[in-house]
C-alpha atoms as a PDB file:
ATOM      1  CA  UNK A   1     -15.014   0.339 -16.704  1.00  0.00           C
ATOM      2  CA  UNK A   2     -14.507  -2.392 -14.538  1.00  0.00           C
ATOM      3  CA  UNK A   3     -11.219  -2.341 -12.305  1.00  0.00           C
ATOM      4  CA  UNK A   4     -10.025  -4.684  -9.782  1.00  0.00           C
ATOM      5  CA  UNK A   5      -7.857  -4.154  -7.132  1.00  0.00           C
ATOM      6  CA  UNK A   6      -5.734  -6.190  -4.954  1.00  0.00           C
ATOM      7  CA  UNK A   7      -3.646  -5.856  -1.427  1.00  0.00           C
ATOM      8  CA  UNK A   8      -1.645  -7.841   0.305  1.00  0.00           C
ATOM      9  CA  UNK A   9       1.581  -6.349   1.267  1.00  0.00           C
ATOM     10  CA  UNK A  10       0.977  -6.478   5.194  1.00  0.00           C
ATOM     11  CA  UNK A  11      -1.221  -8.873   7.138  1.00  0.00           C
ATOM     12  CA  UNK A  12      -5.231  -7.675   5.695  1.00  0.00           C
ATOM     13  CA  UNK A  13      -5.631  -9.351   2.494  1.00  0.00           C
ATOM     14  CA  UNK A  14      -8.378  -7.555   0.455  1.00  0.00           C
ATOM     15  CA  UNK A  15      -9.923  -7.271  -2.723  1.00  0.00           C
ATOM     16  CA  UNK A  16     -12.217  -3.981  -4.412  1.00  0.00           C
ATOM     17  CA  UNK A  17     -14.015  -3.906  -7.256  1.00  0.00           C
ATOM     18  CA  UNK A  18     -15.184  -0.451  -9.030  1.00  0.00           C
ATOM     19  CA  UNK A  19     -17.300   0.023 -12.229  1.00  0.00           C
ATOM     20  CA  UNK A  20     -16.938   3.432 -13.835  1.00  0.00           C
ATOM     21  CA  UNK A  21     -15.511   5.251 -10.591  1.00  0.00           C
ATOM     22  CA  UNK A  22     -17.904   3.894  -7.497  1.00  0.00           C
ATOM     23  CA  UNK A  23     -16.814   1.093  -5.382  1.00  0.00           C
ATOM     24  CA  UNK A  24     -19.284  -1.794  -6.209  1.00  0.00           C
ATOM     25  CA  UNK A  25     -17.622  -4.632  -3.647  1.00  0.00           C
ATOM     26  CA  UNK A  26     -14.917  -4.884  -1.442  1.00  0.00           C
ATOM     27  CA  UNK A  27     -13.900  -7.726   0.544  1.00  0.00           C
ATOM     28  CA  UNK A  28     -11.614  -7.477   3.450  1.00  0.00           C
ATOM     29  CA  UNK A  29      -9.762  -9.968   5.654  1.00  0.00           C
ATOM     30  CA  UNK A  30      -7.036  -8.736   8.854  1.00  0.00           C
ATOM     31  CA  UNK A  31      -6.545 -12.258  10.674  1.00  0.00           C
ATOM     32  CA  UNK A  32      -3.131 -12.938   9.845  1.00  0.00           C
ATOM     33  CA  UNK A  33      -4.235 -15.620   7.518  1.00  0.00           C
ATOM     34  CA  UNK A  34      -1.907 -16.807   4.868  1.00  0.00           C
ATOM     35  CA  UNK A  35      -1.958 -14.407   1.366  1.00  0.00           C
ATOM     36  CA  UNK A  36      -1.514 -17.602  -1.003  1.00  0.00           C
ATOM     37  CA  UNK A  37      -4.330 -20.032   0.878  1.00  0.00           C
ATOM     38  CA  UNK A  38      -6.647 -16.733   0.924  1.00  0.00           C
ATOM     39  CA  UNK A  39      -6.561 -14.342  -2.057  1.00  0.00           C
ATOM     40  CA  UNK A  40      -7.361 -16.224  -5.118  1.00  0.00           C
ATOM     41  CA  UNK A  41     -11.021 -17.490  -3.005  1.00  0.00           C
ATOM     42  CA  UNK A  42     -11.321 -13.560  -1.791  1.00  0.00           C
ATOM     43  CA  UNK A  43     -10.934 -12.708  -5.711  1.00  0.00           C
ATOM     44  CA  UNK A  44     -13.419 -15.186  -6.487  1.00  0.00           C
ATOM     45  CA  UNK A  45     -15.818 -14.390  -4.458  1.00  0.00           C
ATOM     46  CA  UNK A  46     -15.698 -11.014  -4.871  1.00  0.00           C
ATOM     47  CA  UNK A  47     -16.200 -11.597  -9.095  1.00  0.00           C
ATOM     48  CA  UNK A  48     -18.779 -14.230  -7.943  1.00  0.00           C
ATOM     49  CA  UNK A  49     -20.993 -12.453  -6.479  1.00  0.00           C
ATOM     50  CA  UNK A  50     -20.695  -9.202  -8.288  1.00  0.00           C
ATOM     51  CA  UNK A  51     -22.284 -11.671 -11.395  1.00  0.00           C
ATOM     52  CA  UNK A  52     -18.885 -11.618 -13.261  1.00  0.00           C
ATOM     53  CA  UNK A  53     -16.285 -13.246 -14.402  1.00  0.00           C
ATOM     54  CA  UNK A  54     -12.632 -12.225 -15.050  1.00  0.00           C
ATOM     55  CA  UNK A  55     -13.432 -11.821 -18.563  1.00  0.00           C
ATOM     56  CA  UNK A  56     -15.385  -8.950 -17.655  1.00  0.00           C
ATOM     57  CA  UNK A  57     -12.417  -6.968 -15.817  1.00  0.00           C
ATOM     58  CA  UNK A  58     -11.472  -4.200 -17.832  1.00  0.00           C
ATOM     59  CA  UNK A  59      -8.004  -3.958 -15.488  1.00  0.00           C
ATOM     60  CA  UNK A  60      -6.480  -5.429 -12.359  1.00  0.00           C
ATOM     61  CA  UNK A  61      -4.141  -2.929 -10.230  1.00  0.00           C
ATOM     62  CA  UNK A  62      -2.563  -4.470  -7.581  1.00  0.00           C
ATOM     63  CA  UNK A  63       0.287  -2.590  -4.727  1.00  0.00           C
ATOM     64  CA  UNK A  64       3.517  -3.609  -5.762  1.00  0.00           C
ATOM     65  CA  UNK A  65       4.692  -2.555  -2.942  1.00  0.00           C
ATOM     66  CA  UNK A  66       6.880  -1.544   0.072  1.00  0.00           C
ATOM     67  CA  UNK A  67       5.883  -4.621   2.505  1.00  0.00           C
ATOM     68  CA  UNK A  68       6.120  -7.849   3.125  1.00  0.00           C
ATOM     69  CA  UNK A  69       8.326  -9.262   0.637  1.00  0.00           C
ATOM     70  CA  UNK A  70       6.443 -12.524   0.692  1.00  0.00           C
ATOM     71  CA  UNK A  71       3.100 -10.586   0.442  1.00  0.00           C
ATOM     72  CA  UNK A  72       3.873  -8.553  -2.554  1.00  0.00           C
ATOM     73  CA  UNK A  73       5.329 -11.768  -4.214  1.00  0.00           C
ATOM     74  CA  UNK A  74       2.056 -13.437  -3.698  1.00  0.00           C
ATOM     75  CA  UNK A  75       0.157 -10.250  -4.616  1.00  0.00           C
ATOM     76  CA  UNK A  76       2.463  -9.625  -8.176  1.00  0.00           C
ATOM     77  CA  UNK A  77       2.259 -13.322  -8.968  1.00  0.00           C
ATOM     78  CA  UNK A  78      -1.340 -14.169  -8.083  1.00  0.00           C
ATOM     79  CA  UNK A  79      -2.310 -11.009 -10.425  1.00  0.00           C
ATOM     80  CA  UNK A  80       0.016 -12.197 -13.117  1.00  0.00           C
ATOM     81  CA  UNK A  81      -1.497 -15.462 -13.535  1.00  0.00           C
ATOM     82  CA  UNK A  82      -5.148 -13.793 -13.910  1.00  0.00           C
ATOM     83  CA  UNK A  83      -3.936 -11.340 -16.018  1.00  0.00           C
ATOM     84  CA  UNK A  84      -1.696 -12.726 -18.506  1.00  0.00           C
ATOM     85  CA  UNK A  85      -3.999 -15.154 -20.133  1.00  0.00           C
ATOM     86  CA  UNK A  86      -6.355 -12.260 -21.028  1.00  0.00           C
ATOM     87  CA  UNK A  87      -4.045  -9.740 -21.598  1.00  0.00           C
ATOM     88  CA  UNK A  88      -5.573  -7.927 -18.864  1.00  0.00           C
ATOM     89  CA  UNK A  89      -3.779  -4.379 -18.548  1.00  0.00           C
ATOM     90  CA  UNK A  90      -2.637  -3.754 -14.769  1.00  0.00           C
ATOM     91  CA  UNK A  91      -1.842  -1.358 -12.278  1.00  0.00           C
ATOM     92  CA  UNK A  92       1.129  -1.542 -10.278  1.00  0.00           C
ATOM     93  CA  UNK A  93       0.340   0.531  -6.927  1.00  0.00           C
ATOM     94  CA  UNK A  94       2.487   1.895  -3.801  1.00  0.00           C
ATOM     95  CA  UNK A  95       0.343   0.722  -1.244  1.00  0.00           C
ATOM     96  CA  UNK A  96       1.445   3.465   1.019  1.00  0.00           C
ATOM     97  CA  UNK A  97      -0.580   5.961  -1.867  1.00  0.00           C
ATOM     98  CA  UNK A  98      -3.450   3.548  -1.789  1.00  0.00           C
ATOM     99  CA  UNK A  99      -4.059   4.220   2.074  1.00  0.00           C
ATOM    100  CA  UNK A 100      -4.402   7.544   1.454  1.00  0.00           C
ATOM    101  CA  UNK A 101      -7.373   7.417  -0.409  1.00  0.00           C
ATOM    102  CA  UNK A 102      -8.768   5.915   2.902  1.00  0.00           C
ATOM    103  CA  UNK A 103      -9.331   9.703   4.126  1.00  0.00           C
ATOM    104  CA  UNK A 104     -11.188  10.567   0.499  1.00  0.00           C
ATOM    105  CA  UNK A 105     -13.351  13.359   1.537  1.00  0.00           C
ATOM    106  CA  UNK A 106     -11.606  14.974   3.995  1.00  0.00           C
ATOM    107  CA  UNK A 107      -8.958  17.553   4.402  1.00  0.00           C
ATOM    108  CA  UNK A 108      -6.217  16.476   6.024  1.00  0.00           C
ATOM    109  CA  UNK A 109      -2.162  15.257   5.838  1.00  0.00           C
ATOM    110  CA  UNK A 110      -1.952  11.758   5.731  1.00  0.00           C
ATOM    111  CA  UNK A 111       1.010   9.860   7.223  1.00  0.00           C
ATOM    112  CA  UNK A 112       1.470   6.313   5.702  1.00  0.00           C
ATOM    113  CA  UNK A 113       3.281   4.122   8.207  1.00  0.00           C
ATOM    114  CA  UNK A 114       4.273   0.352   7.551  1.00  0.00           C
ATOM    115  CA  UNK A 115       6.166  -1.672  10.282  1.00  0.00           C
ATOM    116  CA  UNK A 116       9.144  -2.464   8.413  1.00  0.00           C
ATOM    117  CA  UNK A 117      10.957  -3.746  12.171  1.00  0.00           C
ATOM    118  CA  UNK A 118      13.863  -2.673  13.749  1.00  0.00           C
ATOM    119  CA  UNK A 119      12.400   0.842  14.847  1.00  0.00           C
ATOM    120  CA  UNK A 120      11.952   1.729  11.102  1.00  0.00           C
ATOM    121  CA  UNK A 121       8.634   2.292   8.703  1.00  0.00           C
ATOM    122  CA  UNK A 122       8.190   2.229   5.101  1.00  0.00           C
ATOM    123  CA  UNK A 123       6.779   5.934   4.560  1.00  0.00           C
ATOM    124  CA  UNK A 124       5.267   8.458   2.913  1.00  0.00           C
ATOM    125  CA  UNK A 125       3.336  12.147   3.356  1.00  0.00           C
ATOM    126  CA  UNK A 126       0.285  12.896   1.300  1.00  0.00           C
ATOM    127  CA  UNK A 127      -2.335  16.082   1.453  1.00  0.00           C
ATOM    128  CA  UNK A 128      -6.017  14.982   0.846  1.00  0.00           C
ATOM    129  CA  UNK A 129      -8.271  18.116  -0.028  1.00  0.00           C
ATOM    130  CA  UNK A 130     -11.803  16.343  -0.655  1.00  0.00           C
ATOM    131  CA  UNK A 131     -11.317  14.418  -3.760  1.00  0.00           C
ATOM    132  CA  UNK A 132      -8.263  15.051  -4.514  1.00  0.00           C
ATOM    133  CA  UNK A 133      -4.740  13.064  -3.067  1.00  0.00           C
ATOM    134  CA  UNK A 134      -1.637  14.992  -3.734  1.00  0.00           C
ATOM    135  CA  UNK A 135       1.912  12.754  -3.026  1.00  0.00           C
ATOM    136  CA  UNK A 136       4.132  14.874  -0.606  1.00  0.00           C
ATOM    137  CA  UNK A 137       6.997  12.740  -0.391  1.00  0.00           C
ATOM    138  CA  UNK A 138       8.575   9.824  -2.276  1.00  0.00           C
ATOM    139  CA  UNK A 139       8.280   6.032  -0.552  1.00  0.00           C
ATOM    140  CA  UNK A 140      10.789   5.349   1.720  1.00  0.00           C
ATOM    141  CA  UNK A 141      12.333   3.801   4.615  1.00  0.00           C
ATOM    142  CA  UNK A 142      13.138   5.405   7.528  1.00  0.00           C
ATOM    143  CA  UNK A 143      13.713   5.313  11.254  1.00  0.00           C
ATOM    144  CA  UNK A 144      10.526   6.741  13.239  1.00  0.00           C
ATOM    145  CA  UNK A 145      12.721   9.240  14.613  1.00  0.00           C
ATOM    146  CA  UNK A 146      13.512  10.726  10.751  1.00  0.00           C
ATOM    147  CA  UNK A 147       9.955  10.655  10.120  1.00  0.00           C
ATOM    148  CA  UNK A 148       8.905  12.802  12.630  1.00  0.00           C
ATOM    149  CA  UNK A 149      11.697  15.332  12.106  1.00  0.00           C
ATOM    150  CA  UNK A 150      10.431  15.920   9.017  1.00  0.00           C
ATOM    151  CA  UNK A 151       6.721  16.146   9.790  1.00  0.00           C
ATOM    152  CA  UNK A 152       8.152  18.494  12.434  1.00  0.00           C
ATOM    153  CA  UNK A 153      10.065  20.203   9.649  1.00  0.00           C
ATOM    154  CA  UNK A 154       6.636  20.775   7.216  1.00  0.00           C
ATOM    155  CA  UNK A 155       4.314  20.907  10.171  1.00  0.00           C
ATOM    156  CA  UNK A 156       4.124  25.266   9.285  1.00  0.00           C
ATOM    157  CA  UNK A 157       3.282  24.444   5.731  1.00  0.00           C
ATOM    158  CA  UNK A 158       0.726  21.898   6.683  1.00  0.00           C
ATOM    159  CA  UNK A 159      -1.269  25.035   8.407  1.00  0.00           C
ATOM    160  CA  UNK A 160      -4.055  23.843  10.132  1.00  0.00           C
ATOM    161  CA  UNK A 161      -4.685  20.297   8.576  1.00  0.00           C
ATOM    162  CA  UNK A 162      -4.497  17.372  10.993  1.00  0.00           C
ATOM    163  CA  UNK A 163      -2.112  15.006  10.446  1.00  0.00           C
ATOM    164  CA  UNK A 164      -3.421  11.757  10.521  1.00  0.00           C
ATOM    165  CA  UNK A 165      -1.824   8.200  10.368  1.00  0.00           C
ATOM    166  CA  UNK A 166      -2.180   4.812   8.353  1.00  0.00           C
ATOM    167  CA  UNK A 167      -1.321   1.811   7.946  1.00  0.00           C
ATOM    168  CA  UNK A 168      -0.141  -1.349  10.188  1.00  0.00           C
ATOM    169  CA  UNK A 169       2.569   0.802  11.413  1.00  0.00           C
ATOM    170  CA  UNK A 170       0.301   3.713  12.632  1.00  0.00           C
ATOM    171  CA  UNK A 171       0.472   2.506  16.119  1.00  0.00           C
ATOM    172  CA  UNK A 172       3.632   1.830  16.609  1.00  0.00           C
ATOM    173  CA  UNK A 173       4.517   5.318  15.192  1.00  0.00           C
ATOM    174  CA  UNK A 174       2.129   7.077  17.201  1.00  0.00           C
ATOM    175  CA  UNK A 175       2.913   5.661  20.345  1.00  0.00           C
ATOM    176  CA  UNK A 176       6.485   6.504  19.568  1.00  0.00           C
ATOM    177  CA  UNK A 177       6.363  10.201  19.235  1.00  0.00           C
ATOM    178  CA  UNK A 178       2.655  11.398  20.979  1.00  0.00           C
ATOM    179  CA  UNK A 179       4.768  13.137  23.863  1.00  0.00           C
ATOM    180  CA  UNK A 180       6.713  15.190  21.605  1.00  0.00           C
ATOM    181  CA  UNK A 181       4.983  18.059  20.800  1.00  0.00           C
ATOM    182  CA  UNK A 182       3.736  17.631  17.571  1.00  0.00           C
ATOM    183  CA  UNK A 183      -0.209  16.989  16.840  1.00  0.00           C
ATOM    184  CA  UNK A 184      -0.644  13.801  15.053  1.00  0.00           C
ATOM    185  CA  UNK A 185      -3.717  11.162  15.518  1.00  0.00           C
ATOM    186  CA  UNK A 186      -4.176   7.989  13.981  1.00  0.00           C
ATOM    187  CA  UNK A 187      -6.839   7.103  11.443  1.00  0.00           C
ATOM    188  CA  UNK A 188     -10.048   5.335  12.841  1.00  0.00           C
ATOM    189  CA  UNK A 189      -9.638   1.719  12.832  1.00  0.00           C
ATOM    190  CA  UNK A 190     -11.683   1.563   9.570  1.00  0.00           C
ATOM    191  CA  UNK A 191     -10.026   3.909   7.718  1.00  0.00           C
ATOM    192  CA  UNK A 192      -6.670   2.508   9.405  1.00  0.00           C
ATOM    193  CA  UNK A 193      -5.495  -0.511   7.380  1.00  0.00           C
ATOM    194  CA  UNK A 194      -4.190  -1.235   3.861  1.00  0.00           C
ATOM    195  CA  UNK A 195      -7.477  -1.721   1.987  1.00  0.00           C
ATOM    196  CA  UNK A 196      -7.937  -2.607  -1.962  1.00  0.00           C
ATOM    197  CA  UNK A 197     -10.147   0.330  -2.104  1.00  0.00           C
ATOM    198  CA  UNK A 198      -7.362   2.992  -2.810  1.00  0.00           C
ATOM    199  CA  UNK A 199      -6.022   0.502  -4.945  1.00  0.00           C
ATOM    200  CA  UNK A 200      -8.966   0.152  -6.954  1.00  0.00           C
ATOM    201  CA  UNK A 201      -9.581   3.821  -6.803  1.00  0.00           C
ATOM    202  CA  UNK A 202      -6.195   4.945  -8.190  1.00  0.00           C
ATOM    203  CA  UNK A 203      -6.175   1.760 -10.838  1.00  0.00           C
ATOM    204  CA  UNK A 204      -8.978   3.502 -12.455  1.00  0.00           C
ATOM    205  CA  UNK A 205      -7.633   6.889 -12.460  1.00  0.00           C
ATOM    206  CA  UNK A 206      -5.070   5.444 -14.307  1.00  0.00           C
ATOM    207  CA  UNK A 207      -6.251   3.246 -16.702  1.00  0.00           C
ATOM    208  CA  UNK A 208      -8.508   6.475 -18.044  1.00  0.00           C
ATOM    209  CA  UNK A 209      -5.071   8.546 -18.714  1.00  0.00           C
ATOM    210  CA  UNK A 210      -4.233   4.872 -20.456  1.00  0.00           C
ATOM    211  CA  UNK A 211      -1.619   4.424 -17.422  1.00  0.00           C
ATOM    212  CA  UNK A 212      -1.131   0.419 -17.899  1.00  0.00           C
ATOM    213  CA  UNK A 213       1.090  -1.878 -18.528  1.00  0.00           C
ATOM    214  CA  UNK A 214       1.045  -5.559 -19.473  1.00  0.00           C
ATOM    215  CA  UNK A 215       0.839  -8.283 -16.819  1.00  0.00           C
ATOM    216  CA  UNK A 216       4.625  -9.515 -17.535  1.00  0.00           C
ATOM    217  CA  UNK A 217       5.814  -6.176 -16.842  1.00  0.00           C
ATOM    218  CA  UNK A 218       4.920  -5.953 -13.343  1.00  0.00           C
ATOM    219  CA  UNK A 219       7.968  -6.462 -10.519  1.00  0.00           C
ATOM    220  CA  UNK A 220       7.473  -5.476  -6.799  1.00  0.00           C
ATOM    221  CA  UNK A 221       8.878  -2.436  -5.294  1.00  0.00           C
ATOM    222  CA  UNK A 222      11.821  -3.293  -2.775  1.00  0.00           C
ATOM    223  CA  UNK A 223      13.078   0.013  -0.516  1.00  0.00           C
ATOM    224  CA  UNK A 224      15.289  -2.260   1.288  1.00  0.00           C
ATOM    225  CA  UNK A 225      16.794  -5.715   0.718  1.00  0.00           C
ATOM    226  CA  UNK A 226      14.960  -8.604   2.134  1.00  0.00           C
ATOM    227  CA  UNK A 227      16.463  -9.613   5.411  1.00  0.00           C
ATOM    228  CA  UNK A 228      18.510 -12.912   4.968  1.00  0.00           C
ATOM    229  CA  UNK A 229      20.199 -11.111   1.992  1.00  0.00           C
ATOM    230  CA  UNK A 230      20.853  -7.953   4.660  1.00  0.00           C
ATOM    231  CA  UNK A 231      22.262 -10.180   7.120  1.00  0.00           C
ATOM    232  CA  UNK A 232      24.745 -12.295   3.988  1.00  0.00           C
ATOM    233  CA  UNK A 233      25.830  -8.697   3.129  1.00  0.00           C
ATOM    234  CA  UNK A 234      26.767  -8.196   6.633  1.00  0.00           C
ATOM    235  CA  UNK A 235      28.282 -11.046   7.099  1.00  0.00           C
ATOM    236  CA  UNK A 236      30.464 -10.860   3.898  1.00  0.00           C
ATOM    237  CA  UNK A 237      31.159  -7.825   5.184  1.00  0.00           C
ATOM    238  CA  UNK A 238      32.536  -8.420   8.598  1.00  0.00           C
ATOM    239  CA  UNK A 239      34.478 -11.321   6.662  1.00  0.00           C
ATOM    240  CA  UNK A 240      35.970  -8.677   4.723  1.00  0.00           C
ATOM    241  CA  UNK A 241      36.853  -6.616   7.614  1.00  0.00           C
ATOM    242  CA  UNK A 242      38.727  -9.921   8.975  1.00  0.00           C
ATOM    243  CA  UNK A 243      41.110 -10.602   5.870  1.00  0.00           C
ATOM    244  CA  UNK A 244      41.850  -6.753   5.553  1.00  0.00           C
END
């Protein structure tokens, strides 16, 4: 079974091909380029260099969020366009969960952090034990202090396992809390970022269990409203207060 993974929820963009559970190809860029211009050429390059066409792909997995509202929409729209005509099954994947797969083969606690700005991160916690990834929290949008407090409360349960921070918000989170008594470390540079490998790996595992959906069922996962909507609601709240 061949599974393509697509990831463009933040600055990096990548596409990965897994065949029968093994990584065959991965194309990764972290140049802050426009995903609408780079995603499809990357997709086409992975297929061409692998000697495949879209018709040869059994499942396409894509990160449905959280992350950049524009990036999430671009990824889902691209996959819908590619998969709909061929009725290729799809798998929506949490990018936070996909990042935990960067640490496969280790025995660690993964704290996935994506920069949500305003001193917030999109976050989830996972335990990695060899080839097994276990979710320890839901995906959530929290203040950095709230994530630190949650880690502190759970630290005793983690035992001697290192707490490793991954994601484009890893350095932001680490620098904010590194002097507050909890032993933390950021992942090495090549394992830190959002990558399509984990997306394809999760897609493969779910496809084995027939846990797929049709492309037209793909929906973005937003943990909070877009900034424009938040600002509109704030203004409406102010106006409502003035009328009272």
